[in-house]
């Protein structure tokens, strides 16, 4: 069974501070469903100038970058990879991106399936 990840493009939010400083969100995280033991991915599609910093949260609690919860940042996005998912990984995931222009948050739900 392959991993399922859905991303919904709902709107484009732009915050501008001073000349040249921006932070933009072009899509929400969306929702994902994976079988227990598989890998789940979330893509935080928030970018800006200067390049934002990203924090990831699971049910409101900040996630640390570990072997199982792997975060990658590029100038255009941040990606969260959850390796070897377990039942308690289900819930809300959110990404907060921030820079000198401000901050934006994107959220989605992860459902861990046990019927696979």
PDB file of N, CA and C in Angstrom:
ATOM      1  N   UNK A   1       0.856  -1.167   0.000  1.00  0.00           N
ATOM      2  CA  UNK A   1       0.000   0.000   0.000  1.00  0.00           C
ATOM      3  C   UNK A   1       0.903   1.231   0.000  1.00  0.00           C
ATOM      4  N   UNK A   2       0.607   2.185  -0.840  1.00  0.00           N
ATOM      5  CA  UNK A   2       1.423   3.399  -0.914  1.00  0.00           C
ATOM      6  C   UNK A   2       0.945   4.423   0.104  1.00  0.00           C
ATOM      7  N   UNK A   3       1.812   5.366   0.408  1.00  0.00           N
ATOM      8  CA  UNK A   3       1.467   6.449   1.331  1.00  0.00           C
ATOM      9  C   UNK A   3       0.474   7.373   0.657  1.00  0.00           C
ATOM     10  N   UNK A   4      -0.459   7.891   1.431  1.00  0.00           N
ATOM     11  CA  UNK A   4      -1.455   8.819   0.918  1.00  0.00           C
ATOM     12  C   UNK A   4      -1.223  10.175   1.539  1.00  0.00           C
ATOM     13  N   UNK A   5      -1.075  11.189   0.707  1.00  0.00           N
ATOM     14  CA  UNK A   5      -0.922  12.549   1.207  1.00  0.00           C
ATOM     15  C   UNK A   5      -1.766  13.448   0.324  1.00  0.00           C
ATOM     16  N   UNK A   6      -2.626  14.236   0.945  1.00  0.00           N
ATOM     17  CA  UNK A   6      -3.472  15.145   0.192  1.00  0.00           C
ATOM     18  C   UNK A   6      -3.130  16.567   0.584  1.00  0.00           C
ATOM     19  N   UNK A   7      -3.000  17.430  -0.386  1.00  0.00           N
ATOM     20  CA  UNK A   7      -2.734  18.840  -0.139  1.00  0.00           C
ATOM     21  C   UNK A   7      -3.826  19.638  -0.830  1.00  0.00           C
ATOM     22  N   UNK A   8      -4.474  20.520  -0.102  1.00  0.00           N
ATOM     23  CA  UNK A   8      -5.518  21.364  -0.650  1.00  0.00           C
ATOM     24  C   UNK A   8      -4.998  22.778  -0.809  1.00  0.00           C
ATOM     25  N   UNK A   9      -5.166  23.350  -1.980  1.00  0.00           N
ATOM     26  CA  UNK A   9      -4.799  24.739  -2.197  1.00  0.00           C
ATOM     27  C   UNK A   9      -6.053  25.558  -1.939  1.00  0.00           C
ATOM     28  N   UNK A  10      -6.065  26.311  -0.838  1.00  0.00           N
ATOM     29  CA  UNK A  10      -7.251  27.057  -0.458  1.00  0.00           C
ATOM     30  C   UNK A  10      -7.153  28.533  -0.796  1.00  0.00           C
ATOM     31  N   UNK A  11      -5.985  29.085  -0.611  1.00  0.00           N
ATOM     32  CA  UNK A  11      -5.867  30.515  -0.853  1.00  0.00           C
ATOM     33  C   UNK A  11      -4.412  30.904  -0.877  1.00  0.00           C
ATOM     34  N   UNK A  12      -4.171  32.075  -1.135  1.00  0.00           N
ATOM     35  CA  UNK A  12      -2.809  32.597  -1.067  1.00  0.00           C
ATOM     36  C   UNK A  12      -2.824  33.750  -0.077  1.00  0.00           C
ATOM     37  N   UNK A  13      -2.047  33.629   0.972  1.00  0.00           N
ATOM     38  CA  UNK A  13      -1.947  34.664   1.992  1.00  0.00           C
ATOM     39  C   UNK A  13      -0.583  35.315   1.889  1.00  0.00           C
ATOM     40  N   UNK A  14      -0.566  36.629   1.837  1.00  0.00           N
ATOM     41  CA  UNK A  14       0.690  37.356   1.749  1.00  0.00           C
ATOM     42  C   UNK A  14       0.709  38.410   2.844  1.00  0.00           C
ATOM     43  N   UNK A  15       1.781  38.423   3.607  1.00  0.00           N
ATOM     44  CA  UNK A  15       2.000  39.472   4.607  1.00  0.00           C
ATOM     45  C   UNK A  15       3.261  40.198   4.190  1.00  0.00           C
ATOM     46  N   UNK A  16       3.209  41.510   4.148  1.00  0.00           N
ATOM     47  CA  UNK A  16       4.380  42.288   3.762  1.00  0.00           C
ATOM     48  C   UNK A  16       4.707  43.278   4.863  1.00  0.00           C
ATOM     49  N   UNK A  17       5.949  43.305   5.285  1.00  0.00           N
ATOM     50  CA  UNK A  17       6.383  44.201   6.355  1.00  0.00           C
ATOM     51  C   UNK A  17       6.995  45.448   5.733  1.00  0.00           C
ATOM     52  N   UNK A  18       8.281  45.424   5.494  1.00  0.00           N
ATOM     53  CA  UNK A  18       8.944  46.537   4.840  1.00  0.00           C
ATOM     54  C   UNK A  18       9.332  46.100   3.437  1.00  0.00           C
ATOM     55  N   UNK A  19       9.806  47.029   2.647  1.00  0.00           N
ATOM     56  CA  UNK A  19      10.140  46.742   1.251  1.00  0.00           C
ATOM     57  C   UNK A  19      11.016  45.492   1.154  1.00  0.00           C
ATOM     58  N   UNK A  20      10.575  44.532   0.361  1.00  0.00           N
ATOM     59  CA  UNK A  20      11.339  43.319   0.130  1.00  0.00           C
ATOM     60  C   UNK A  20      11.126  42.217   1.145  1.00  0.00           C
ATOM     61  N   UNK A  21      10.513  42.514   2.289  1.00  0.00           N
ATOM     62  CA  UNK A  21      10.270  41.485   3.295  1.00  0.00           C
ATOM     63  C   UNK A  21       8.852  40.965   3.150  1.00  0.00           C
ATOM     64  N   UNK A  22       8.722  39.667   2.886  1.00  0.00           N
ATOM     65  CA  UNK A  22       7.400  39.055   2.730  1.00  0.00           C
ATOM     66  C   UNK A  22       7.386  37.671   3.346  1.00  0.00           C
ATOM     67  N   UNK A  23       6.189  37.197   3.608  1.00  0.00           N
ATOM     68  CA  UNK A  23       5.967  35.800   3.963  1.00  0.00           C
ATOM     69  C   UNK A  23       4.666  35.397   3.291  1.00  0.00           C
ATOM     70  N   UNK A  24       4.674  34.254   2.595  1.00  0.00           N
ATOM     71  CA  UNK A  24       3.541  33.846   1.769  1.00  0.00           C
ATOM     72  C   UNK A  24       3.185  32.394   2.021  1.00  0.00           C
ATOM     73  N   UNK A  25       1.879  32.111   2.007  1.00  0.00           N
ATOM     74  CA  UNK A  25       1.383  30.737   2.106  1.00  0.00           C
ATOM     75  C   UNK A  25       0.560  30.467   0.867  1.00  0.00           C
ATOM     76  N   UNK A  26       0.937  29.453   0.111  1.00  0.00           N
ATOM     77  CA  UNK A  26       0.183  29.151  -1.099  1.00  0.00           C
ATOM     78  C   UNK A  26      -0.679  27.910  -0.964  1.00  0.00           C
ATOM     79  N   UNK A  27      -0.553  27.152   0.132  1.00  0.00           N
ATOM     80  CA  UNK A  27      -1.396  25.970   0.328  1.00  0.00           C
ATOM     81  C   UNK A  27      -1.402  25.573   1.796  1.00  0.00           C
ATOM     82  N   UNK A  28      -2.493  24.945   2.224  1.00  0.00           N
ATOM     83  CA  UNK A  28      -2.563  24.360   3.559  1.00  0.00           C
ATOM     84  C   UNK A  28      -1.843  23.015   3.548  1.00  0.00           C
ATOM     85  N   UNK A  29      -1.485  22.522   4.728  1.00  0.00           N
ATOM     86  CA  UNK A  29      -0.839  21.213   4.812  1.00  0.00           C
ATOM     87  C   UNK A  29      -1.718  20.122   4.209  1.00  0.00           C
ATOM     88  N   UNK A  30      -3.013  20.188   4.429  1.00  0.00           N
ATOM     89  CA  UNK A  30      -3.906  19.127   3.981  1.00  0.00           C
ATOM     90  C   UNK A  30      -3.904  17.979   4.974  1.00  0.00           C
ATOM     91  N   UNK A  31      -4.626  16.934   4.626  1.00  0.00           N
ATOM     92  CA  UNK A  31      -4.753  15.770   5.497  1.00  0.00           C
ATOM     93  C   UNK A  31      -4.048  14.583   4.858  1.00  0.00           C
ATOM     94  N   UNK A  32      -3.604  13.652   5.705  1.00  0.00           N
ATOM     95  CA  UNK A  32      -2.915  12.463   5.214  1.00  0.00           C
ATOM     96  C   UNK A  32      -3.403  11.246   5.984  1.00  0.00           C
ATOM     97  N   UNK A  33      -3.344  10.102   5.330  1.00  0.00           N
ATOM     98  CA  UNK A  33      -3.662   8.821   5.971  1.00  0.00           C
ATOM     99  C   UNK A  33      -2.629   7.806   5.507  1.00  0.00           C
ATOM    100  N   UNK A  34      -2.012   7.114   6.455  1.00  0.00           N
ATOM    101  CA  UNK A  34      -1.034   6.075   6.118  1.00  0.00           C
ATOM    102  C   UNK A  34      -1.289   4.857   6.994  1.00  0.00           C
ATOM    103  N   UNK A  35      -0.846   3.720   6.521  1.00  0.00           N
ATOM    104  CA  UNK A  35      -0.924   2.493   7.308  1.00  0.00           C
ATOM    105  C   UNK A  35       0.117   2.535   8.419  1.00  0.00           C
ATOM    106  N   UNK A  36      -0.224   1.957   9.545  1.00  0.00           N
ATOM    107  CA  UNK A  36       0.698   1.899  10.680  1.00  0.00           C
ATOM    108  C   UNK A  36       2.017   1.273  10.220  1.00  0.00           C
ATOM    109  N   UNK A  37       3.127   1.877  10.625  1.00  0.00           N
ATOM    110  CA  UNK A  37       4.445   1.393  10.244  1.00  0.00           C
ATOM    111  C   UNK A  37       5.011   2.029   8.989  1.00  0.00           C
ATOM    112  N   UNK A  38       4.171   2.723   8.238  1.00  0.00           N
ATOM    113  CA  UNK A  38       4.629   3.381   7.011  1.00  0.00           C
ATOM    114  C   UNK A  38       5.148   4.780   7.333  1.00  0.00           C
ATOM    115  N   UNK A  39       5.598   5.480   6.301  1.00  0.00           N
ATOM    116  CA  UNK A  39       6.125   6.837   6.450  1.00  0.00           C
ATOM    117  C   UNK A  39       5.080   7.844   5.996  1.00  0.00           C
ATOM    118  N   UNK A  40       4.899   8.907   6.771  1.00  0.00           N
ATOM    119  CA  UNK A  40       3.977   9.996   6.426  1.00  0.00           C
ATOM    120  C   UNK A  40       4.786  11.251   6.139  1.00  0.00           C
ATOM    121  N   UNK A  41       4.272  12.078   5.237  1.00  0.00           N
ATOM    122  CA  UNK A  41       4.935  13.337   4.860  1.00  0.00           C
ATOM    123  C   UNK A  41       3.953  14.491   4.957  1.00  0.00           C
ATOM    124  N   UNK A  42       4.446  15.629   5.407  1.00  0.00           N
ATOM    125  CA  UNK A  42       3.708  16.886   5.334  1.00  0.00           C
ATOM    126  C   UNK A  42       4.629  17.930   4.708  1.00  0.00           C
ATOM    127  N   UNK A  43       4.067  18.754   3.846  1.00  0.00           N
ATOM    128  CA  UNK A  43       4.821  19.821   3.189  1.00  0.00           C
ATOM    129  C   UNK A  43       4.233  21.161   3.610  1.00  0.00           C
ATOM    130  N   UNK A  44       5.060  21.995   4.223  1.00  0.00           N
ATOM    131  CA  UNK A  44       4.652  23.328   4.658  1.00  0.00           C
ATOM    132  C   UNK A  44       5.015  24.304   3.542  1.00  0.00           C
ATOM    133  N   UNK A  45       4.009  24.717   2.785  1.00  0.00           N
ATOM    134  CA  UNK A  45       4.212  25.551   1.597  1.00  0.00           C
ATOM    135  C   UNK A  45       4.118  27.031   1.956  1.00  0.00           C
ATOM    136  N   UNK A  46       5.033  27.453   2.829  1.00  0.00           N
ATOM    137  CA  UNK A  46       5.143  28.856   3.233  1.00  0.00           C
ATOM    138  C   UNK A  46       6.574  29.289   2.937  1.00  0.00           C
ATOM    139  N   UNK A  47       6.712  30.421   2.288  1.00  0.00           N
ATOM    140  CA  UNK A  47       8.037  30.898   1.912  1.00  0.00           C
ATOM    141  C   UNK A  47       8.065  32.417   2.036  1.00  0.00           C
ATOM    142  N   UNK A  48       9.251  32.994   1.942  1.00  0.00           N
ATOM    143  CA  UNK A  48       9.321  34.444   2.051  1.00  0.00           C
ATOM    144  C   UNK A  48      10.735  34.962   1.916  1.00  0.00           C
ATOM    145  N   UNK A  49      10.826  36.267   2.123  1.00  0.00           N
ATOM    146  CA  UNK A  49      12.094  36.963   2.075  1.00  0.00           C
ATOM    147  C   UNK A  49      12.170  37.871   3.304  1.00  0.00           C
ATOM    148  N   UNK A  50      13.115  37.661   4.200  1.00  0.00           N
ATOM    149  CA  UNK A  50      14.139  36.619   4.169  1.00  0.00           C
ATOM    150  C   UNK A  50      13.527  35.230   4.376  1.00  0.00           C
ATOM    151  N   UNK A  51      14.320  34.191   4.062  1.00  0.00           N
ATOM    152  CA  UNK A  51      13.859  32.818   4.188  1.00  0.00           C
ATOM    153  C   UNK A  51      13.338  32.569   5.598  1.00  0.00           C
ATOM    154  N   UNK A  52      12.123  32.035   5.719  1.00  0.00           N
ATOM    155  CA  UNK A  52      11.563  31.817   7.063  1.00  0.00           C
ATOM    156  C   UNK A  52      12.242  30.670   7.821  1.00  0.00           C
ATOM    157  N   UNK A  53      12.062  30.699   9.119  1.00  0.00           N
ATOM    158  CA  UNK A  53      12.402  29.581  10.004  1.00  0.00           C
ATOM    159  C   UNK A  53      11.096  28.839  10.246  1.00  0.00           C
ATOM    160  N   UNK A  54      11.162  27.544  10.496  1.00  0.00           N
ATOM    161  CA  UNK A  54       9.964  26.724  10.644  1.00  0.00           C
ATOM    162  C   UNK A  54       9.986  25.978  11.970  1.00  0.00           C
ATOM    163  N   UNK A  55       8.813  25.909  12.606  1.00  0.00           N
ATOM    164  CA  UNK A  55       8.592  25.052  13.758  1.00  0.00           C
ATOM    165  C   UNK A  55       7.433  24.131  13.422  1.00  0.00           C
ATOM    166  N   UNK A  56       7.546  22.863  13.802  1.00  0.00           N
ATOM    167  CA  UNK A  56       6.496  21.873  13.582  1.00  0.00           C
ATOM    168  C   UNK A  56       5.888  21.475  14.919  1.00  0.00           C
ATOM    169  N   UNK A  57       4.565  21.197  14.903  1.00  0.00           N
ATOM    170  CA  UNK A  57       3.831  20.851  16.120  1.00  0.00           C
ATOM    171  C   UNK A  57       2.923  19.649  15.858  1.00  0.00           C
ATOM    172  N   UNK A  58       2.772  18.796  16.879  1.00  0.00           N
ATOM    173  CA  UNK A  58       1.812  17.687  16.854  1.00  0.00           C
ATOM    174  C   UNK A  58       0.859  17.898  18.022  1.00  0.00           C
ATOM    175  N   UNK A  59      -0.408  18.100  17.708  1.00  0.00           N
ATOM    176  CA  UNK A  59      -1.430  18.391  18.721  1.00  0.00           C
ATOM    177  C   UNK A  59      -0.994  19.529  19.645  1.00  0.00           C
ATOM    178  N   UNK A  60      -0.372  20.554  19.051  1.00  0.00           N
ATOM    179  CA  UNK A  60       0.019  21.747  19.800  1.00  0.00           C
ATOM    180  C   UNK A  60       1.355  21.671  20.511  1.00  0.00           C
ATOM    181  N   UNK A  61       2.028  20.518  20.472  1.00  0.00           N
ATOM    182  CA  UNK A  61       3.318  20.346  21.147  1.00  0.00           C
ATOM    183  C   UNK A  61       4.427  20.380  20.097  1.00  0.00           C
ATOM    184  N   UNK A  62       5.447  21.210  20.333  1.00  0.00           N
ATOM    185  CA  UNK A  62       6.545  21.346  19.380  1.00  0.00           C
ATOM    186  C   UNK A  62       7.264  20.019  19.188  1.00  0.00           C
ATOM    187  N   UNK A  63       7.576  19.715  17.934  1.00  0.00           N
ATOM    188  CA  UNK A  63       8.281  18.483  17.572  1.00  0.00           C
ATOM    189  C   UNK A  63       9.762  18.799  17.409  1.00  0.00           C
ATOM    190  N   UNK A  64      10.599  17.943  17.967  1.00  0.00           N
ATOM    191  CA  UNK A  64      12.043  18.059  17.775  1.00  0.00           C
ATOM    192  C   UNK A  64      12.466  17.201  16.592  1.00  0.00           C
ATOM    193  N   UNK A  65      13.514  17.619  15.913  1.00  0.00           N
ATOM    194  CA  UNK A  65      14.057  16.874  14.782  1.00  0.00           C
ATOM    195  C   UNK A  65      14.781  15.638  15.330  1.00  0.00           C
ATOM    196  N   UNK A  66      14.244  14.448  15.025  1.00  0.00           N
ATOM    197  CA  UNK A  66      14.819  13.190  15.509  1.00  0.00           C
ATOM    198  C   UNK A  66      14.939  12.228  14.331  1.00  0.00           C
ATOM    199  N   UNK A  67      15.369  11.020  14.605  1.00  0.00           N
ATOM    200  CA  UNK A  67      15.445  10.004  13.550  1.00  0.00           C
ATOM    201  C   UNK A  67      14.051   9.682  13.017  1.00  0.00           C
ATOM    202  N   UNK A  68      13.030   9.655  13.875  1.00  0.00           N
ATOM    203  CA  UNK A  68      11.664   9.333  13.437  1.00  0.00           C
ATOM    204  C   UNK A  68      10.907  10.538  12.902  1.00  0.00           C
ATOM    205  N   UNK A  69      11.144  11.695  13.461  1.00  0.00           N
ATOM    206  CA  UNK A  69      10.513  12.943  13.005  1.00  0.00           C
ATOM    207  C   UNK A  69      11.595  13.788  12.347  1.00  0.00           C
ATOM    208  N   UNK A  70      11.689  13.686  11.035  1.00  0.00           N
ATOM    209  CA  UNK A  70      12.760  14.333  10.290  1.00  0.00           C
ATOM    210  C   UNK A  70      12.232  15.565   9.571  1.00  0.00           C
ATOM    211  N   UNK A  71      12.868  16.708   9.800  1.00  0.00           N
ATOM    212  CA  UNK A  71      12.464  17.965   9.185  1.00  0.00           C
ATOM    213  C   UNK A  71      13.532  18.427   8.210  1.00  0.00           C
ATOM    214  N   UNK A  72      13.087  18.917   7.063  1.00  0.00           N
ATOM    215  CA  UNK A  72      14.001  19.442   6.047  1.00  0.00           C
ATOM    216  C   UNK A  72      13.488  20.809   5.623  1.00  0.00           C
ATOM    217  N   UNK A  73      14.398  21.745   5.446  1.00  0.00           N
ATOM    218  CA  UNK A  73      14.031  23.116   5.068  1.00  0.00           C
ATOM    219  C   UNK A  73      14.756  23.507   3.794  1.00  0.00           C
ATOM    220  N   UNK A  74      14.008  24.129   2.875  1.00  0.00           N
ATOM    221  CA  UNK A  74      14.577  24.717   1.667  1.00  0.00           C
ATOM    222  C   UNK A  74      14.116  26.164   1.608  1.00  0.00           C
ATOM    223  N   UNK A  75      14.574  26.953   0.651  1.00  0.00           N
ATOM    224  CA  UNK A  75      14.077  28.331   0.534  1.00  0.00           C
ATOM    225  C   UNK A  75      12.584  28.426   0.215  1.00  0.00           C
ATOM    226  N   UNK A  76      11.975  27.367  -0.315  1.00  0.00           N
ATOM    227  CA  UNK A  76      10.574  27.408  -0.712  1.00  0.00           C
ATOM    228  C   UNK A  76       9.609  26.720   0.253  1.00  0.00           C
ATOM    229  N   UNK A  77      10.079  25.806   1.097  1.00  0.00           N
ATOM    230  CA  UNK A  77       9.177  25.041   1.948  1.00  0.00           C
ATOM    231  C   UNK A  77       9.943  24.331   3.059  1.00  0.00           C
ATOM    232  N   UNK A  78       9.169  23.721   3.961  1.00  0.00           N
ATOM    233  CA  UNK A  78       9.718  22.810   4.958  1.00  0.00           C
ATOM    234  C   UNK A  78       8.927  21.511   4.859  1.00  0.00           C
ATOM    235  N   UNK A  79       9.632  20.392   5.028  1.00  0.00           N
ATOM    236  CA  UNK A  79       8.983  19.087   4.948  1.00  0.00           C
ATOM    237  C   UNK A  79       9.180  18.345   6.259  1.00  0.00           C
ATOM    238  N   UNK A  80       8.096  17.714   6.723  1.00  0.00           N
ATOM    239  CA  UNK A  80       8.154  16.843   7.899  1.00  0.00           C
ATOM    240  C   UNK A  80       7.939  15.414   7.425  1.00  0.00           C
ATOM    241  N   UNK A  81       8.878  14.537   7.787  1.00  0.00           N
ATOM    242  CA  UNK A  81       8.756  13.115   7.468  1.00  0.00           C
ATOM    243  C   UNK A  81       8.659  12.356   8.788  1.00  0.00           C
ATOM    244  N   UNK A  82       7.620  11.529   8.914  1.00  0.00           N
ATOM    245  CA  UNK A  82       7.410  10.729  10.119  1.00  0.00           C
ATOM    246  C   UNK A  82       7.634   9.278   9.722  1.00  0.00           C
ATOM    247  N   UNK A  83       8.723   8.699  10.196  1.00  0.00           N
ATOM    248  CA  UNK A  83       9.130   7.354   9.813  1.00  0.00           C
ATOM    249  C   UNK A  83       8.546   6.328  10.790  1.00  0.00           C
ATOM    250  N   UNK A  84       8.148   5.168  10.255  1.00  0.00           N
ATOM    251  CA  UNK A  84       7.648   4.058  11.074  1.00  0.00           C
ATOM    252  C   UNK A  84       6.525   4.526  12.000  1.00  0.00           C
ATOM    253  N   UNK A  85       5.450   5.034  11.403  1.00  0.00           N
ATOM    254  CA  UNK A  85       4.340   5.612  12.166  1.00  0.00           C
ATOM    255  C   UNK A  85       3.743   4.618  13.151  1.00  0.00           C
ATOM    256  N   UNK A  86       3.286   5.162  14.269  1.00  0.00           N
ATOM    257  CA  UNK A  86       2.585   4.400  15.302  1.00  0.00           C
ATOM    258  C   UNK A  86       1.235   5.065  15.548  1.00  0.00           C
ATOM    259  N   UNK A  87       0.343   4.375  16.235  1.00  0.00           N
ATOM    260  CA  UNK A  87      -1.028   4.861  16.419  1.00  0.00           C
ATOM    261  C   UNK A  87      -1.080   6.258  17.038  1.00  0.00           C
ATOM    262  N   UNK A  88      -0.195   6.542  17.987  1.00  0.00           N
ATOM    263  CA  UNK A  88      -0.234   7.842  18.660  1.00  0.00           C
ATOM    264  C   UNK A  88       0.270   8.994  17.775  1.00  0.00           C
ATOM    265  N   UNK A  89       0.747   8.687  16.568  1.00  0.00           N
ATOM    266  CA  UNK A  89       1.123   9.753  15.630  1.00  0.00           C
ATOM    267  C   UNK A  89      -0.098  10.414  15.002  1.00  0.00           C
ATOM    268  N   UNK A  90      -1.272   9.802  15.125  1.00  0.00           N
ATOM    269  CA  UNK A  90      -2.499  10.413  14.606  1.00  0.00           C
ATOM    270  C   UNK A  90      -2.734  11.747  15.302  1.00  0.00           C
ATOM    271  N   UNK A  91      -3.367  12.671  14.600  1.00  0.00           N
ATOM    272  CA  UNK A  91      -3.724  13.952  15.204  1.00  0.00           C
ATOM    273  C   UNK A  91      -3.439  15.112  14.275  1.00  0.00           C
ATOM    274  N   UNK A  92      -3.435  16.312  14.857  1.00  0.00           N
ATOM    275  CA  UNK A  92      -3.209  17.529  14.082  1.00  0.00           C
ATOM    276  C   UNK A  92      -1.718  17.856  14.024  1.00  0.00           C
ATOM    277  N   UNK A  93      -1.258  18.162  12.820  1.00  0.00           N
ATOM    278  CA  UNK A  93       0.107  18.640  12.610  1.00  0.00           C
ATOM    279  C   UNK A  93       0.025  20.061  12.086  1.00  0.00           C
ATOM    280  N   UNK A  94       0.887  20.909  12.586  1.00  0.00           N
ATOM    281  CA  UNK A  94       0.918  22.284  12.096  1.00  0.00           C
ATOM    282  C   UNK A  94       2.359  22.740  11.949  1.00  0.00           C
ATOM    283  N   UNK A  95       2.516  23.652  11.021  1.00  0.00           N
ATOM    284  CA  UNK A  95       3.812  24.235  10.727  1.00  0.00           C
ATOM    285  C   UNK A  95       3.671  25.739  10.909  1.00  0.00           C
ATOM    286  N   UNK A  96       4.569  26.324  11.675  1.00  0.00           N
ATOM    287  CA  UNK A  96       4.602  27.776  11.848  1.00  0.00           C
ATOM    288  C   UNK A  96       5.881  28.285  11.206  1.00  0.00           C
ATOM    289  N   UNK A  97       5.735  29.164  10.226  1.00  0.00           N
ATOM    290  CA  UNK A  97       6.884  29.771   9.546  1.00  0.00           C
ATOM    291  C   UNK A  97       6.948  31.232   9.963  1.00  0.00           C
ATOM    292  N   UNK A  98       8.161  31.720  10.217  1.00  0.00           N
ATOM    293  CA  UNK A  98       8.289  33.109  10.650  1.00  0.00           C
ATOM    294  C   UNK A  98       9.583  33.714  10.133  1.00  0.00           C
ATOM    295  N   UNK A  99       9.496  35.011   9.843  1.00  0.00           N
ATOM    296  CA  UNK A  99      10.665  35.805   9.460  1.00  0.00           C
ATOM    297  C   UNK A  99      10.391  37.251   9.861  1.00  0.00           C
ATOM    298  N   UNK A 100      11.188  38.194   9.381  1.00  0.00           N
ATOM    299  CA  UNK A 100      11.042  39.603   9.756  1.00  0.00           C
ATOM    300  C   UNK A 100       9.704  40.183   9.321  1.00  0.00           C
ATOM    301  N   UNK A 101       9.052  39.584   8.322  1.00  0.00           N
ATOM    302  CA  UNK A 101       7.764  40.084   7.827  1.00  0.00           C
ATOM    303  C   UNK A 101       6.595  39.632   8.689  1.00  0.00           C
ATOM    304  N   UNK A 102       6.794  38.590   9.501  1.00  0.00           N
ATOM    305  CA  UNK A 102       5.705  38.087  10.342  1.00  0.00           C
ATOM    306  C   UNK A 102       5.730  36.575  10.429  1.00  0.00           C
ATOM    307  N   UNK A 103       4.563  35.988  10.700  1.00  0.00           N
ATOM    308  CA  UNK A 103       4.488  34.534  10.783  1.00  0.00           C
ATOM    309  C   UNK A 103       3.155  34.051  10.219  1.00  0.00           C
ATOM    310  N   UNK A 104       3.176  32.827   9.701  1.00  0.00           N
ATOM    311  CA  UNK A 104       1.989  32.161   9.170  1.00  0.00           C
ATOM    312  C   UNK A 104       2.006  30.719   9.645  1.00  0.00           C
ATOM    313  N   UNK A 105       0.814  30.140   9.793  1.00  0.00           N
ATOM    314  CA  UNK A 105       0.676  28.757  10.226  1.00  0.00           C
ATOM    315  C   UNK A 105      -0.183  27.997   9.243  1.00  0.00           C
ATOM    316  N   UNK A 106       0.149  26.722   9.050  1.00  0.00           N
ATOM    317  CA  UNK A 106      -0.616  25.831   8.187  1.00  0.00           C
ATOM    318  C   UNK A 106      -0.823  24.533   8.957  1.00  0.00           C
ATOM    319  N   UNK A 107      -2.033  23.951   8.863  1.00  0.00           N
ATOM    320  CA  UNK A 107      -2.354  22.760   9.654  1.00  0.00           C
ATOM    321  C   UNK A 107      -3.033  21.687   8.818  1.00  0.00           C
ATOM    322  N   UNK A 108      -2.900  20.450   9.288  1.00  0.00           N
ATOM    323  CA  UNK A 108      -3.563  19.307   8.662  1.00  0.00           C
ATOM    324  C   UNK A 108      -3.644  18.157   9.644  1.00  0.00           C
ATOM    325  N   UNK A 109      -4.416  17.142   9.290  1.00  0.00           N
ATOM    326  CA  UNK A 109      -4.625  15.975  10.142  1.00  0.00           C
ATOM    327  C   UNK A 109      -3.917  14.755   9.575  1.00  0.00           C
ATOM    328  N   UNK A 110      -3.392  13.926  10.466  1.00  0.00           N
ATOM    329  CA  UNK A 110      -2.820  12.645  10.088  1.00  0.00           C
ATOM    330  C   UNK A 110      -3.645  11.543  10.741  1.00  0.00           C
ATOM    331  N   UNK A 111      -4.065  10.583   9.917  1.00  0.00           N
ATOM    332  CA  UNK A 111      -4.801   9.416  10.417  1.00  0.00           C
ATOM    333  C   UNK A 111      -3.925   8.190  10.155  1.00  0.00           C
ATOM    334  N   UNK A 112      -3.629   7.444  11.224  1.00  0.00           N
ATOM    335  CA  UNK A 112      -2.863   6.216  11.111  1.00  0.00           C
ATOM    336  C   UNK A 112      -3.851   5.060  11.002  1.00  0.00           C
ATOM    337  N   UNK A 113      -3.800   4.360   9.889  1.00  0.00           N
ATOM    338  CA  UNK A 113      -4.732   3.255   9.637  1.00  0.00           C
ATOM    339  C   UNK A 113      -4.160   1.959  10.180  1.00  0.00           C
ATOM    340  N   UNK A 114      -5.013   1.193  10.850  1.00  0.00           N
ATOM    341  CA  UNK A 114      -4.596  -0.097  11.380  1.00  0.00           C
ATOM    342  C   UNK A 114      -5.238  -1.250  10.616  1.00  0.00           C
ATOM    343  N   UNK A 115      -6.004  -0.946   9.572  1.00  0.00           N
ATOM    344  CA  UNK A 115      -6.720  -1.973   8.817  1.00  0.00           C
ATOM    345  C   UNK A 115      -5.994  -2.363   7.515  1.00  0.00           C
ATOM    346  N   UNK A 116      -4.713  -2.111   7.440  1.00  0.00           N
ATOM    347  CA  UNK A 116      -3.955  -2.396   6.212  1.00  0.00           C
ATOM    348  C   UNK A 116      -3.244  -3.735   6.300  1.00  0.00           C
TER     349      UNK A 116
END
